[in-house]
Amino acid sequence: MTERRGLGYFLGWWFFRIFTGLYHRRQVFNEERVPRNGGVIIAANHLSYIDPPLIGCSTRRVIHYL
């Protein structure tokens, strides 16, 4: 099932993608373990409030936060 992203999601994704590329050293470990299709749970140990957007811009999938 393909999900559509809204304009706000698209702009936010690109903003944080550029921001993290310029000011932070973003590292993604074991990216090959995340399937391209289907559900996946990403359990992160948040150290700051910027962590959820950083996780969201590290993948091309649409993220649904709980």
N, C-alpha and C. Protein backbone atom coordinates (compact mmCIF):
# COMPACT_ATOMS: atom_id res chain seq x y z
N MET A 1 0.85 -1.18 0.00
CA MET A 1 0.00 0.00 0.00
C MET A 1 0.89 1.24 0.00
N THR A 2 0.67 2.10 -0.95
CA THR A 2 1.45 3.33 -1.05
C THR A 2 0.71 4.45 -0.32
N GLU A 3 1.44 5.16 0.53
CA GLU A 3 0.84 6.27 1.26
C GLU A 3 1.32 7.58 0.66
N ARG A 4 0.45 8.55 0.64
CA ARG A 4 0.82 9.86 0.12
C ARG A 4 1.21 10.75 1.28
N ARG A 5 2.22 11.54 1.05
CA ARG A 5 2.67 12.51 2.05
C ARG A 5 2.10 13.87 1.69
N GLY A 6 1.72 14.61 2.70
CA GLY A 6 1.23 15.95 2.47
C GLY A 6 2.39 16.92 2.26
N LEU A 7 2.07 18.13 1.89
CA LEU A 7 3.08 19.15 1.64
C LEU A 7 3.88 19.46 2.90
N GLY A 8 3.22 19.53 4.06
CA GLY A 8 3.92 19.80 5.32
C GLY A 8 4.93 18.71 5.65
N TYR A 9 4.55 17.46 5.45
CA TYR A 9 5.46 16.34 5.71
C TYR A 9 6.65 16.43 4.77
N PHE A 10 6.39 16.69 3.50
CA PHE A 10 7.44 16.78 2.49
C PHE A 10 8.42 17.91 2.82
N LEU A 11 7.91 19.09 3.14
CA LEU A 11 8.78 20.23 3.45
C LEU A 11 9.56 19.99 4.74
N GLY A 12 8.90 19.45 5.76
CA GLY A 12 9.60 19.14 7.00
C GLY A 12 10.67 18.09 6.81
N TRP A 13 10.39 17.07 6.00
CA TRP A 13 11.37 16.01 5.72
C TRP A 13 12.62 16.60 5.07
N TRP A 14 12.42 17.44 4.05
CA TRP A 14 13.57 18.04 3.37
C TRP A 14 14.32 19.01 4.27
N PHE A 15 13.60 19.81 5.07
CA PHE A 15 14.26 20.74 5.97
C PHE A 15 15.18 20.00 6.94
N PHE A 16 14.65 18.98 7.62
CA PHE A 16 15.47 18.24 8.59
C PHE A 16 16.55 17.43 7.91
N ARG A 17 16.31 16.97 6.70
CA ARG A 17 17.35 16.24 5.95
C ARG A 17 18.54 17.16 5.68
N ILE A 18 18.27 18.38 5.23
CA ILE A 18 19.34 19.35 4.96
C ILE A 18 19.98 19.81 6.27
N PHE A 19 19.16 20.12 7.27
CA PHE A 19 19.66 20.58 8.58
C PHE A 19 20.61 19.56 9.20
N THR A 20 20.19 18.30 9.21
CA THR A 20 21.03 17.28 9.82
C THR A 20 22.28 17.01 8.99
N GLY A 21 22.19 17.20 7.69
CA GLY A 21 23.38 17.02 6.86
C GLY A 21 24.41 18.11 7.08
N LEU A 22 23.96 19.31 7.43
CA LEU A 22 24.88 20.43 7.62
C LEU A 22 25.43 20.53 9.04
N TYR A 23 24.61 20.25 10.03
CA TYR A 23 24.97 20.53 11.41
C TYR A 23 25.17 19.30 12.31
N HIS A 24 24.76 18.15 11.86
CA HIS A 24 24.85 16.95 12.70
C HIS A 24 25.43 15.80 11.89
N ARG A 25 26.10 14.91 12.57
CA ARG A 25 26.60 13.71 11.93
C ARG A 25 25.57 12.61 12.15
N ARG A 26 24.75 12.40 11.16
CA ARG A 26 23.67 11.42 11.25
C ARG A 26 24.22 10.05 10.86
N GLN A 27 23.97 9.05 11.69
CA GLN A 27 24.40 7.68 11.40
C GLN A 27 23.19 6.76 11.49
N VAL A 28 23.07 5.89 10.52
CA VAL A 28 22.01 4.89 10.51
C VAL A 28 22.67 3.53 10.58
N PHE A 29 22.33 2.76 11.59
CA PHE A 29 22.90 1.43 11.77
C PHE A 29 21.89 0.37 11.36
N ASN A 30 22.35 -0.67 10.70
CA ASN A 30 21.53 -1.83 10.32
C ASN A 30 20.32 -1.44 9.47
N GLU A 31 20.52 -0.52 8.56
CA GLU A 31 19.42 -0.08 7.69
C GLU A 31 18.86 -1.23 6.85
N GLU A 32 19.69 -2.20 6.53
CA GLU A 32 19.24 -3.33 5.72
C GLU A 32 18.24 -4.22 6.46
N ARG A 33 18.11 -4.07 7.76
CA ARG A 33 17.16 -4.86 8.53
C ARG A 33 15.75 -4.29 8.51
N VAL A 34 15.59 -3.09 8.02
CA VAL A 34 14.27 -2.46 7.93
C VAL A 34 13.68 -2.81 6.57
N PRO A 35 12.54 -3.53 6.54
CA PRO A 35 11.95 -3.91 5.25
C PRO A 35 11.42 -2.70 4.50
N ARG A 36 11.45 -2.78 3.18
CA ARG A 36 10.94 -1.67 2.36
C ARG A 36 9.42 -1.59 2.41
N ASN A 37 8.75 -2.70 2.61
CA ASN A 37 7.28 -2.75 2.66
C ASN A 37 6.84 -3.40 3.95
N GLY A 38 5.61 -3.11 4.36
CA GLY A 38 5.07 -3.72 5.56
C GLY A 38 5.39 -2.91 6.80
N GLY A 39 4.91 -3.40 7.90
CA GLY A 39 5.07 -2.69 9.16
C GLY A 39 6.43 -2.92 9.80
N VAL A 40 6.84 -1.95 10.56
CA VAL A 40 8.09 -2.04 11.32
C VAL A 40 7.95 -1.15 12.55
N ILE A 41 8.53 -1.57 13.65
CA ILE A 41 8.53 -0.76 14.87
C ILE A 41 9.96 -0.30 15.12
N ILE A 42 10.13 0.99 15.25
CA ILE A 42 11.43 1.56 15.58
C ILE A 42 11.33 2.08 17.01
N ALA A 43 12.03 1.45 17.92
CA ALA A 43 12.03 1.86 19.33
C ALA A 43 13.33 2.60 19.59
N ALA A 44 13.23 3.90 19.82
CA ALA A 44 14.42 4.74 19.99
C ALA A 44 14.51 5.25 21.41
N ASN A 45 15.71 5.38 21.89
CA ASN A 45 15.98 5.98 23.19
C ASN A 45 16.21 7.47 22.94
N HIS A 46 15.18 8.27 23.16
CA HIS A 46 15.25 9.70 22.83
C HIS A 46 16.11 10.44 23.85
N LEU A 47 17.14 11.09 23.35
CA LEU A 47 18.01 11.89 24.20
C LEU A 47 17.63 13.37 24.15
N SER A 48 16.87 13.77 23.12
CA SER A 48 16.43 15.16 23.01
C SER A 48 15.13 15.21 22.20
N TYR A 49 14.55 16.39 22.11
CA TYR A 49 13.30 16.56 21.37
C TYR A 49 13.51 16.55 19.86
N ILE A 50 14.72 16.63 19.40
CA ILE A 50 14.97 16.61 17.96
C ILE A 50 15.08 15.19 17.42
N ASP A 51 15.14 14.20 18.29
CA ASP A 51 15.30 12.81 17.85
C ASP A 51 14.17 12.32 16.94
N PRO A 52 12.88 12.54 17.23
CA PRO A 52 11.84 12.06 16.31
C PRO A 52 11.97 12.62 14.89
N PRO A 53 12.20 13.93 14.69
CA PRO A 53 12.41 14.39 13.32
C PRO A 53 13.67 13.80 12.67
N LEU A 54 14.71 13.59 13.46
CA LEU A 54 15.92 12.98 12.91
C LEU A 54 15.66 11.56 12.43
N ILE A 55 14.88 10.82 13.19
CA ILE A 55 14.53 9.46 12.77
C ILE A 55 13.66 9.51 11.52
N GLY A 56 12.72 10.44 11.49
CA GLY A 56 11.84 10.57 10.33
C GLY A 56 12.56 10.90 9.05
N CYS A 57 13.59 11.73 9.11
CA CYS A 57 14.29 12.11 7.88
C CYS A 57 15.38 11.11 7.52
N SER A 58 15.59 10.10 8.34
CA SER A 58 16.60 9.09 8.05
C SER A 58 16.04 7.95 7.20
N THR A 59 14.76 7.96 6.95
CA THR A 59 14.14 6.93 6.13
C THR A 59 13.25 7.58 5.08
N ARG A 60 13.04 6.90 3.99
CA ARG A 60 12.15 7.42 2.95
C ARG A 60 10.71 6.94 3.15
N ARG A 61 10.47 6.15 4.19
CA ARG A 61 9.13 5.67 4.48
C ARG A 61 8.37 6.72 5.28
N VAL A 62 7.05 6.68 5.18
CA VAL A 62 6.21 7.56 5.98
C VAL A 62 6.19 7.02 7.40
N ILE A 63 6.49 7.88 8.38
CA ILE A 63 6.55 7.48 9.78
C ILE A 63 5.25 7.89 10.48
N HIS A 64 4.69 6.98 11.26
CA HIS A 64 3.53 7.26 12.10
C HIS A 64 4.01 7.17 13.54
N TYR A 65 3.99 8.28 14.25
CA TYR A 65 4.50 8.32 15.62
C TYR A 65 3.42 7.99 16.63
N LEU A 66 3.79 7.30 17.69
CA LEU A 66 2.87 6.99 18.79
C LEU A 66 3.21 7.82 19.98
